[in-house]
Amino acid sequence: MEMIDKVQRPAPPKPVARKRNPVNAEYEDKAREMVREAMRAKGVTVDQLTTRLSLIGVDMSSGGVANKISRGGFSSAFLLQCLAAMDLEIKVE
């Protein structure tokens, strides 16, 4: 097996904070607004969403749910859990 000299290897990219990437910030804003709009449309408060999430097995405090939503940097799983808790479904065709 042929070895590559350290000089020939490119340096790995420098890590960048996720929040500093404009594309991530844009989509985090969209995710936050998606949950907020769903809550408005269904007339669901943070406390009610927390209760509904607990019914599907997501145990969090109301403050934790509110913080996740306000940050917008939550996982796609949390987004889908929120939508499911509000009886909303995204269909992929």
PDB file of N, CA and C in Angstrom:
ATOM      1  N   MET A   1       0.848  -1.177   0.000  1.00  0.00           N
ATOM      2  CA  MET A   1       0.000   0.000   0.000  1.00  0.00           C
ATOM      3  C   MET A   1       0.889   1.234   0.000  1.00  0.00           C
ATOM      4  N   GLU A   2       0.541   2.160  -0.818  1.00  0.00           N
ATOM      5  CA  GLU A   2       1.343   3.363  -0.979  1.00  0.00           C
ATOM      6  C   GLU A   2       0.926   4.405   0.053  1.00  0.00           C
ATOM      7  N   MET A   3       1.878   4.980   0.756  1.00  0.00           N
ATOM      8  CA  MET A   3       1.571   5.997   1.767  1.00  0.00           C
ATOM      9  C   MET A   3       1.586   7.381   1.135  1.00  0.00           C
ATOM     10  N   ILE A   4       0.716   8.215   1.614  1.00  0.00           N
ATOM     11  CA  ILE A   4       0.667   9.600   1.145  1.00  0.00           C
ATOM     12  C   ILE A   4       1.389  10.445   2.171  1.00  0.00           C
ATOM     13  N   ASP A   5       2.292  11.262   1.690  1.00  0.00           N
ATOM     14  CA  ASP A   5       2.997  12.161   2.604  1.00  0.00           C
ATOM     15  C   ASP A   5       2.021  13.168   3.182  1.00  0.00           C
ATOM     16  N   LYS A   6       2.327  13.627   4.383  1.00  0.00           N
ATOM     17  CA  LYS A   6       1.467  14.621   5.026  1.00  0.00           C
ATOM     18  C   LYS A   6       1.371  15.883   4.192  1.00  0.00           C
ATOM     19  N   VAL A   7       2.400  16.179   3.452  1.00  0.00           N
ATOM     20  CA  VAL A   7       2.418  17.386   2.628  1.00  0.00           C
ATOM     21  C   VAL A   7       1.367  17.294   1.524  1.00  0.00           C
ATOM     22  N   GLN A   8       1.100  16.106   1.022  1.00  0.00           N
ATOM     23  CA  GLN A   8       0.164  15.933  -0.085  1.00  0.00           C
ATOM     24  C   GLN A   8      -1.297  15.950   0.355  1.00  0.00           C
ATOM     25  N   ARG A   9      -1.553  15.676   1.621  1.00  0.00           N
ATOM     26  CA  ARG A   9      -2.935  15.637   2.098  1.00  0.00           C
ATOM     27  C   ARG A   9      -3.474  17.044   2.300  1.00  0.00           C
ATOM     28  N   PRO A  10      -4.664  17.285   1.804  1.00  0.00           N
ATOM     29  CA  PRO A  10      -5.259  18.608   2.064  1.00  0.00           C
ATOM     30  C   PRO A  10      -5.691  18.709   3.528  1.00  0.00           C
ATOM     31  N   ALA A  11      -5.618  19.891   4.027  1.00  0.00           N
ATOM     32  CA  ALA A  11      -6.043  20.123   5.408  1.00  0.00           C
ATOM     33  C   ALA A  11      -7.563  19.994   5.486  1.00  0.00           C
ATOM     34  N   PRO A  12      -8.068  19.434   6.567  1.00  0.00           N
ATOM     35  CA  PRO A  12      -9.529  19.347   6.701  1.00  0.00           C
ATOM     36  C   PRO A  12     -10.122  20.741   6.848  1.00  0.00           C
ATOM     37  N   PRO A  13     -11.379  20.907   6.457  1.00  0.00           N
ATOM     38  CA  PRO A  13     -11.986  22.232   6.589  1.00  0.00           C
ATOM     39  C   PRO A  13     -12.105  22.624   8.055  1.00  0.00           C
ATOM     40  N   LYS A  14     -11.986  23.913   8.307  1.00  0.00           N
ATOM     41  CA  LYS A  14     -12.120  24.400   9.674  1.00  0.00           C
ATOM     42  C   LYS A  14     -13.588  24.339  10.077  1.00  0.00           C
ATOM     43  N   PRO A  15     -13.849  23.894  11.302  1.00  0.00           N
ATOM     44  CA  PRO A  15     -15.249  23.839  11.729  1.00  0.00           C
ATOM     45  C   PRO A  15     -15.840  25.238  11.840  1.00  0.00           C
ATOM     46  N   VAL A  16     -17.086  25.343  11.444  1.00  0.00           N
ATOM     47  CA  VAL A  16     -17.807  26.610  11.505  1.00  0.00           C
ATOM     48  C   VAL A  16     -19.042  26.383  12.368  1.00  0.00           C
ATOM     49  N   ALA A  17     -19.303  27.310  13.241  1.00  0.00           N
ATOM     50  CA  ALA A  17     -20.487  27.191  14.087  1.00  0.00           C
ATOM     51  C   ALA A  17     -21.725  27.098  13.203  1.00  0.00           C
ATOM     52  N   ARG A  18     -22.607  26.169  13.537  1.00  0.00           N
ATOM     53  CA  ARG A  18     -23.811  25.933  12.742  1.00  0.00           C
ATOM     54  C   ARG A  18     -24.632  27.204  12.579  1.00  0.00           C
ATOM     55  N   LYS A  19     -24.745  27.991  13.630  1.00  0.00           N
ATOM     56  CA  LYS A  19     -25.551  29.220  13.582  1.00  0.00           C
ATOM     57  C   LYS A  19     -24.953  30.273  12.657  1.00  0.00           C
ATOM     58  N   ARG A  20     -23.660  30.190  12.409  1.00  0.00           N
ATOM     59  CA  ARG A  20     -23.028  31.204  11.555  1.00  0.00           C
ATOM     60  C   ARG A  20     -23.232  30.942  10.077  1.00  0.00           C
ATOM     61  N   ASN A  21     -23.649  29.735   9.734  1.00  0.00           N
ATOM     62  CA  ASN A  21     -23.886  29.411   8.338  1.00  0.00           C
ATOM     63  C   ASN A  21     -25.237  29.996   7.936  1.00  0.00           C
ATOM     64  N   PRO A  22     -25.246  30.946   6.985  1.00  0.00           N
ATOM     65  CA  PRO A  22     -26.501  31.615   6.609  1.00  0.00           C
ATOM     66  C   PRO A  22     -27.578  30.660   6.122  1.00  0.00           C
ATOM     67  N   VAL A  23     -27.189  29.578   5.462  1.00  0.00           N
ATOM     68  CA  VAL A  23     -28.180  28.614   4.980  1.00  0.00           C
ATOM     69  C   VAL A  23     -28.861  27.941   6.170  1.00  0.00           C
ATOM     70  N   ASN A  24     -28.093  27.547   7.167  1.00  0.00           N
ATOM     71  CA  ASN A  24     -28.678  26.922   8.354  1.00  0.00           C
ATOM     72  C   ASN A  24     -29.608  27.891   9.065  1.00  0.00           C
ATOM     73  N   ALA A  25     -29.175  29.119   9.229  1.00  0.00           N
ATOM     74  CA  ALA A  25     -30.003  30.116   9.913  1.00  0.00           C
ATOM     75  C   ALA A  25     -31.320  30.314   9.173  1.00  0.00           C
ATOM     76  N   GLU A  26     -31.270  30.343   7.851  1.00  0.00           N
ATOM     77  CA  GLU A  26     -32.492  30.518   7.053  1.00  0.00           C
ATOM     78  C   GLU A  26     -33.472  29.370   7.288  1.00  0.00           C
ATOM     79  N   TYR A  27     -32.973  28.149   7.276  1.00  0.00           N
ATOM     80  CA  TYR A  27     -33.858  26.997   7.438  1.00  0.00           C
ATOM     81  C   TYR A  27     -34.303  26.812   8.884  1.00  0.00           C
ATOM     82  N   GLU A  28     -33.502  27.219   9.835  1.00  0.00           N
ATOM     83  CA  GLU A  28     -33.933  27.195  11.231  1.00  0.00           C
ATOM     84  C   GLU A  28     -35.078  28.181  11.437  1.00  0.00           C
ATOM     85  N   ASP A  29     -34.989  29.343  10.781  1.00  0.00           N
ATOM     86  CA  ASP A  29     -36.092  30.314  10.833  1.00  0.00           C
ATOM     87  C   ASP A  29     -37.362  29.716  10.235  1.00  0.00           C
ATOM     88  N   LYS A  30     -37.221  29.008   9.111  1.00  0.00           N
ATOM     89  CA  LYS A  30     -38.383  28.396   8.471  1.00  0.00           C
ATOM     90  C   LYS A  30     -38.998  27.322   9.359  1.00  0.00           C
ATOM     91  N   ALA A  31     -38.168  26.520  10.003  1.00  0.00           N
ATOM     92  CA  ALA A  31     -38.673  25.464  10.889  1.00  0.00           C
ATOM     93  C   ALA A  31     -39.412  26.075  12.078  1.00  0.00           C
ATOM     94  N   ARG A  32     -38.817  27.118  12.662  1.00  0.00           N
ATOM     95  CA  ARG A  32     -39.444  27.795  13.799  1.00  0.00           C
ATOM     96  C   ARG A  32     -40.814  28.338  13.390  1.00  0.00           C
ATOM     97  N   GLU A  33     -40.873  29.005  12.245  1.00  0.00           N
ATOM     98  CA  GLU A  33     -42.139  29.574  11.779  1.00  0.00           C
ATOM     99  C   GLU A  33     -43.151  28.499  11.409  1.00  0.00           C
ATOM    100  N   MET A  34     -42.676  27.357  10.918  1.00  0.00           N
ATOM    101  CA  MET A  34     -43.581  26.257  10.587  1.00  0.00           C
ATOM    102  C   MET A  34     -44.302  25.770  11.850  1.00  0.00           C
ATOM    103  N   VAL A  35     -43.546  25.583  12.933  1.00  0.00           N
ATOM    104  CA  VAL A  35     -44.158  25.130  14.184  1.00  0.00           C
ATOM    105  C   VAL A  35     -45.071  26.214  14.743  1.00  0.00           C
ATOM    106  N   ARG A  36     -44.615  27.454  14.739  1.00  0.00           N
ATOM    107  CA  ARG A  36     -45.440  28.541  15.282  1.00  0.00           C
ATOM    108  C   ARG A  36     -46.735  28.714  14.500  1.00  0.00           C
ATOM    109  N   GLU A  37     -46.642  28.633  13.172  1.00  0.00           N
ATOM    110  CA  GLU A  37     -47.835  28.772  12.339  1.00  0.00           C
ATOM    111  C   GLU A  37     -48.801  27.616  12.579  1.00  0.00           C
ATOM    112  N   ALA A  38     -48.276  26.409  12.734  1.00  0.00           N
ATOM    113  CA  ALA A  38     -49.125  25.251  13.029  1.00  0.00           C
ATOM    114  C   ALA A  38     -49.818  25.441  14.372  1.00  0.00           C
ATOM    115  N   MET A  39     -49.092  25.965  15.342  1.00  0.00           N
ATOM    116  CA  MET A  39     -49.687  26.213  16.657  1.00  0.00           C
ATOM    117  C   MET A  39     -50.804  27.254  16.560  1.00  0.00           C
ATOM    118  N   ARG A  40     -50.563  28.327  15.802  1.00  0.00           N
ATOM    119  CA  ARG A  40     -51.597  29.355  15.632  1.00  0.00           C
ATOM    120  C   ARG A  40     -52.825  28.777  14.926  1.00  0.00           C
ATOM    121  N   ALA A  41     -52.579  28.014  13.858  1.00  0.00           N
ATOM    122  CA  ALA A  41     -53.678  27.459  13.070  1.00  0.00           C
ATOM    123  C   ALA A  41     -54.529  26.496  13.887  1.00  0.00           C
ATOM    124  N   LYS A  42     -53.891  25.739  14.761  1.00  0.00           N
ATOM    125  CA  LYS A  42     -54.606  24.769  15.592  1.00  0.00           C
ATOM    126  C   LYS A  42     -55.050  25.353  16.930  1.00  0.00           C
ATOM    127  N   GLY A  43     -54.646  26.592  17.221  1.00  0.00           N
ATOM    128  CA  GLY A  43     -55.004  27.214  18.487  1.00  0.00           C
ATOM    129  C   GLY A  43     -54.356  26.527  19.679  1.00  0.00           C
ATOM    130  N   VAL A  44     -53.111  26.088  19.501  1.00  0.00           N
ATOM    131  CA  VAL A  44     -52.405  25.330  20.531  1.00  0.00           C
ATOM    132  C   VAL A  44     -51.362  26.218  21.197  1.00  0.00           C
ATOM    133  N   THR A  45     -51.370  26.250  22.520  1.00  0.00           N
ATOM    134  CA  THR A  45     -50.355  26.984  23.285  1.00  0.00           C
ATOM    135  C   THR A  45     -49.157  26.069  23.524  1.00  0.00           C
ATOM    136  N   VAL A  46     -48.073  26.643  24.035  1.00  0.00           N
ATOM    137  CA  VAL A  46     -46.887  25.851  24.353  1.00  0.00           C
ATOM    138  C   VAL A  46     -47.228  24.794  25.409  1.00  0.00           C
ATOM    139  N   ASP A  47     -47.997  25.178  26.418  1.00  0.00           N
ATOM    140  CA  ASP A  47     -48.385  24.219  27.455  1.00  0.00           C
ATOM    141  C   ASP A  47     -49.210  23.067  26.869  1.00  0.00           C
ATOM    142  N   GLN A  48     -50.116  23.400  25.976  1.00  0.00           N
ATOM    143  CA  GLN A  48     -50.929  22.360  25.342  1.00  0.00           C
ATOM    144  C   GLN A  48     -50.080  21.472  24.446  1.00  0.00           C
ATOM    145  N   LEU A  49     -49.145  22.069  23.715  1.00  0.00           N
ATOM    146  CA  LEU A  49     -48.250  21.287  22.867  1.00  0.00           C
ATOM    147  C   LEU A  49     -47.405  20.349  23.725  1.00  0.00           C
ATOM    148  N   THR A  50     -46.932  20.839  24.866  1.00  0.00           N
ATOM    149  CA  THR A  50     -46.142  20.011  25.772  1.00  0.00           C
ATOM    150  C   THR A  50     -46.955  18.800  26.231  1.00  0.00           C
ATOM    151  N   THR A  51     -48.208  19.033  26.574  1.00  0.00           N
ATOM    152  CA  THR A  51     -49.088  17.936  26.994  1.00  0.00           C
ATOM    153  C   THR A  51     -49.294  16.951  25.855  1.00  0.00           C
ATOM    154  N   ARG A  52     -49.535  17.472  24.671  1.00  0.00           N
ATOM    155  CA  ARG A  52     -49.750  16.604  23.504  1.00  0.00           C
ATOM    156  C   ARG A  52     -48.489  15.817  23.169  1.00  0.00           C
ATOM    157  N   LEU A  53     -47.318  16.448  23.306  1.00  0.00           N
ATOM    158  CA  LEU A  53     -46.068  15.737  23.058  1.00  0.00           C
ATOM    159  C   LEU A  53     -45.891  14.605  24.064  1.00  0.00           C
ATOM    160  N   SER A  54     -46.249  14.850  25.314  1.00  0.00           N
ATOM    161  CA  SER A  54     -46.099  13.801  26.328  1.00  0.00           C
ATOM    162  C   SER A  54     -47.002  12.607  26.014  1.00  0.00           C
ATOM    163  N   LEU A  55     -48.154  12.852  25.386  1.00  0.00           N
ATOM    164  CA  LEU A  55     -49.060  11.761  25.018  1.00  0.00           C
ATOM    165  C   LEU A  55     -48.472  10.848  23.951  1.00  0.00           C
ATOM    166  N   ILE A  56     -47.516  11.364  23.161  1.00  0.00           N
ATOM    167  CA  ILE A  56     -46.871  10.513  22.153  1.00  0.00           C
ATOM    168  C   ILE A  56     -45.482  10.063  22.610  1.00  0.00           C
ATOM    169  N   GLY A  57     -45.170  10.318  23.897  1.00  0.00           N
ATOM    170  CA  GLY A  57     -43.920   9.803  24.457  1.00  0.00           C
ATOM    171  C   GLY A  57     -42.758  10.764  24.504  1.00  0.00           C
ATOM    172  N   VAL A  58     -42.987  12.045  24.199  1.00  0.00           N
ATOM    173  CA  VAL A  58     -41.928  13.055  24.246  1.00  0.00           C
ATOM    174  C   VAL A  58     -42.082  13.826  25.550  1.00  0.00           C
ATOM    175  N   ASP A  59     -41.247  13.493  26.527  1.00  0.00           N
ATOM    176  CA  ASP A  59     -41.355  14.124  27.843  1.00  0.00           C
ATOM    177  C   ASP A  59     -40.379  15.281  27.961  1.00  0.00           C
ATOM    178  N   MET A  60     -40.933  16.479  27.976  1.00  0.00           N
ATOM    179  CA  MET A  60     -40.161  17.718  28.113  1.00  0.00           C
ATOM    180  C   MET A  60     -40.982  18.681  28.943  1.00  0.00           C
ATOM    181  N   SER A  61     -40.300  19.654  29.527  1.00  0.00           N
ATOM    182  CA  SER A  61     -41.026  20.701  30.238  1.00  0.00           C
ATOM    183  C   SER A  61     -41.545  21.726  29.226  1.00  0.00           C
ATOM    184  N   SER A  62     -42.510  22.510  29.653  1.00  0.00           N
ATOM    185  CA  SER A  62     -43.021  23.575  28.779  1.00  0.00           C
ATOM    186  C   SER A  62     -41.912  24.551  28.413  1.00  0.00           C
ATOM    187  N   GLY A  63     -41.052  24.844  29.392  1.00  0.00           N
ATOM    188  CA  GLY A  63     -39.928  25.740  29.126  1.00  0.00           C
ATOM    189  C   GLY A  63     -38.983  25.167  28.097  1.00  0.00           C
ATOM    190  N   GLY A  64     -38.742  23.859  28.164  1.00  0.00           N
ATOM    191  CA  GLY A  64     -37.868  23.207  27.185  1.00  0.00           C
ATOM    192  C   GLY A  64     -38.443  23.260  25.786  1.00  0.00           C
ATOM    193  N   VAL A  65     -39.745  23.027  25.684  1.00  0.00           N
ATOM    194  CA  VAL A  65     -40.415  23.099  24.375  1.00  0.00           C
ATOM    195  C   VAL A  65     -40.357  24.525  23.844  1.00  0.00           C
ATOM    196  N   ALA A  66     -40.663  25.493  24.695  1.00  0.00           N
ATOM    197  CA  ALA A  66     -40.630  26.903  24.273  1.00  0.00           C
ATOM    198  C   ALA A  66     -39.228  27.299  23.825  1.00  0.00           C
ATOM    199  N   ASN A  67     -38.203  26.859  24.555  1.00  0.00           N
ATOM    200  CA  ASN A  67     -36.826  27.192  24.181  1.00  0.00           C
ATOM    201  C   ASN A  67     -36.447  26.575  22.842  1.00  0.00           C
ATOM    202  N   LYS A  68     -36.800  25.315  22.636  1.00  0.00           N
ATOM    203  CA  LYS A  68     -36.477  24.666  21.358  1.00  0.00           C
ATOM    204  C   LYS A  68     -37.122  25.419  20.198  1.00  0.00           C
ATOM    205  N   ILE A  69     -38.389  25.766  20.381  1.00  0.00           N
ATOM    206  CA  ILE A  69     -39.102  26.445  19.300  1.00  0.00           C
ATOM    207  C   ILE A  69     -38.501  27.829  19.054  1.00  0.00           C
ATOM    208  N   SER A  70     -38.189  28.562  20.113  1.00  0.00           N
ATOM    209  CA  SER A  70     -37.652  29.915  19.923  1.00  0.00           C
ATOM    210  C   SER A  70     -36.267  29.886  19.282  1.00  0.00           C
ATOM    211  N   ARG A  71     -35.470  28.864  19.564  1.00  0.00           N
ATOM    212  CA  ARG A  71     -34.148  28.743  18.937  1.00  0.00           C
ATOM    213  C   ARG A  71     -34.261  28.353  17.480  1.00  0.00           C
ATOM    214  N   GLY A  72     -35.197  27.458  17.182  1.00  0.00           N
ATOM    215  CA  GLY A  72     -35.373  27.000  15.809  1.00  0.00           C
ATOM    216  C   GLY A  72     -34.370  25.950  15.386  1.00  0.00           C
ATOM    217  N   GLY A  73     -33.352  25.690  16.171  1.00  0.00           N
ATOM    218  CA  GLY A  73     -32.315  24.736  15.797  1.00  0.00           C
ATOM    219  C   GLY A  73     -32.609  23.340  16.292  1.00  0.00           C
ATOM    220  N   PHE A  74     -33.856  22.910  16.182  1.00  0.00           N
ATOM    221  CA  PHE A  74     -34.227  21.588  16.664  1.00  0.00           C
ATOM    222  C   PHE A  74     -34.125  20.561  15.544  1.00  0.00           C
ATOM    223  N   SER A  75     -34.185  19.298  15.942  1.00  0.00           N
ATOM    224  CA  SER A  75     -34.040  18.210  14.969  1.00  0.00           C
ATOM    225  C   SER A  75     -35.302  18.067  14.120  1.00  0.00           C
ATOM    226  N   SER A  76     -35.127  17.400  13.000  1.00  0.00           N
ATOM    227  CA  SER A  76     -36.296  17.102  12.155  1.00  0.00           C
ATOM    228  C   SER A  76     -37.251  16.178  12.907  1.00  0.00           C
ATOM    229  N   ALA A  77     -36.720  15.324  13.777  1.00  0.00           N
ATOM    230  CA  ALA A  77     -37.578  14.448  14.582  1.00  0.00           C
ATOM    231  C   ALA A  77     -38.490  15.280  15.476  1.00  0.00           C
ATOM    232  N   PHE A  78     -37.950  16.313  16.117  1.00  0.00           N
ATOM    233  CA  PHE A  78     -38.769  17.162  16.972  1.00  0.00           C
ATOM    234  C   PHE A  78     -39.825  17.895  16.151  1.00  0.00           C
ATOM    235  N   LEU A  79     -39.477  18.366  14.983  1.00  0.00           N
ATOM    236  CA  LEU A  79     -40.443  19.024  14.104  1.00  0.00           C
ATOM    237  C   LEU A  79     -41.592  18.078  13.784  1.00  0.00           C
ATOM    238  N   LEU A  80     -41.268  16.848  13.386  1.00  0.00           N
ATOM    239  CA  LEU A  80     -42.299  15.878  13.049  1.00  0.00           C
ATOM    240  C   LEU A  80     -43.119  15.484  14.278  1.00  0.00           C
ATOM    241  N   GLN A  81     -42.480  15.415  15.444  1.00  0.00           N
ATOM    242  CA  GLN A  81     -43.210  15.114  16.672  1.00  0.00           C
ATOM    243  C   GLN A  81     -44.213  16.217  16.992  1.00  0.00           C
ATOM    244  N   CYS A  82     -43.792  17.463  16.830  1.00  0.00           N
ATOM    245  CA  CYS A  82     -44.708  18.589  17.076  1.00  0.00           C
ATOM    246  C   CYS A  82     -45.888  18.537  16.122  1.00  0.00           C
ATOM    247  N   LEU A  83     -45.621  18.295  14.855  1.00  0.00           N
ATOM    248  CA  LEU A  83     -46.701  18.246  13.873  1.00  0.00           C
ATOM    249  C   LEU A  83     -47.647  17.084  14.170  1.00  0.00           C
ATOM    250  N   ALA A  84     -47.092  15.941  14.529  1.00  0.00           N
ATOM    251  CA  ALA A  84     -47.926  14.782  14.859  1.00  0.00           C
ATOM    252  C   ALA A  84     -48.770  15.067  16.098  1.00  0.00           C
ATOM    253  N   ALA A  85     -48.183  15.731  17.078  1.00  0.00           N
ATOM    254  CA  ALA A  85     -48.904  16.066  18.316  1.00  0.00           C
ATOM    255  C   ALA A  85     -50.066  17.010  18.036  1.00  0.00           C
ATOM    256  N   MET A  86     -49.968  17.776  16.962  1.00  0.00           N
ATOM    257  CA  MET A  86     -51.044  18.705  16.599  1.00  0.00           C
ATOM    258  C   MET A  86     -51.936  18.121  15.493  1.00  0.00           C
ATOM    259  N   ASP A  87     -51.808  16.812  15.258  1.00  0.00           N
ATOM    260  CA  ASP A  87     -52.603  16.109  14.239  1.00  0.00           C
ATOM    261  C   ASP A  87     -52.399  16.664  12.845  1.00  0.00           C
ATOM    262  N   LEU A  88     -51.159  17.042  12.548  1.00  0.00           N
ATOM    263  CA  LEU A  88     -50.792  17.496  11.213  1.00  0.00           C
ATOM    264  C   LEU A  88     -49.822  16.488  10.620  1.00  0.00           C
ATOM    265  N   GLU A  89     -49.865  16.343   9.326  1.00  0.00           N
ATOM    266  CA  GLU A  89     -48.995  15.366   8.674  1.00  0.00           C
ATOM    267  C   GLU A  89     -48.439  15.961   7.394  1.00  0.00           C
ATOM    268  N   ILE A  90     -47.172  15.700   7.151  1.00  0.00           N
ATOM    269  CA  ILE A  90     -46.550  16.105   5.898  1.00  0.00           C
ATOM    270  C   ILE A  90     -46.523  14.882   4.994  1.00  0.00           C
ATOM    271  N   LYS A  91     -47.095  15.009   3.840  1.00  0.00           N
ATOM    272  CA  LYS A  91     -47.106  13.888   2.900  1.00  0.00           C
ATOM    273  C   LYS A  91     -46.048  14.123   1.829  1.00  0.00           C
ATOM    274  N   VAL A  92     -45.262  13.114   1.595  1.00  0.00           N
ATOM    275  CA  VAL A  92     -44.234  13.171   0.570  1.00  0.00           C
ATOM    276  C   VAL A  92     -44.690  12.297  -0.585  1.00  0.00           C
ATOM    277  N   GLU A  93     -44.746  12.890  -1.754  1.00  0.00           N
ATOM    278  CA  GLU A  93     -45.196  12.126  -2.933  1.00  0.00           C
ATOM    279  C   GLU A  93     -44.057  11.864  -3.858  1.00  0.00           C
TER     280      GLU A  93
END
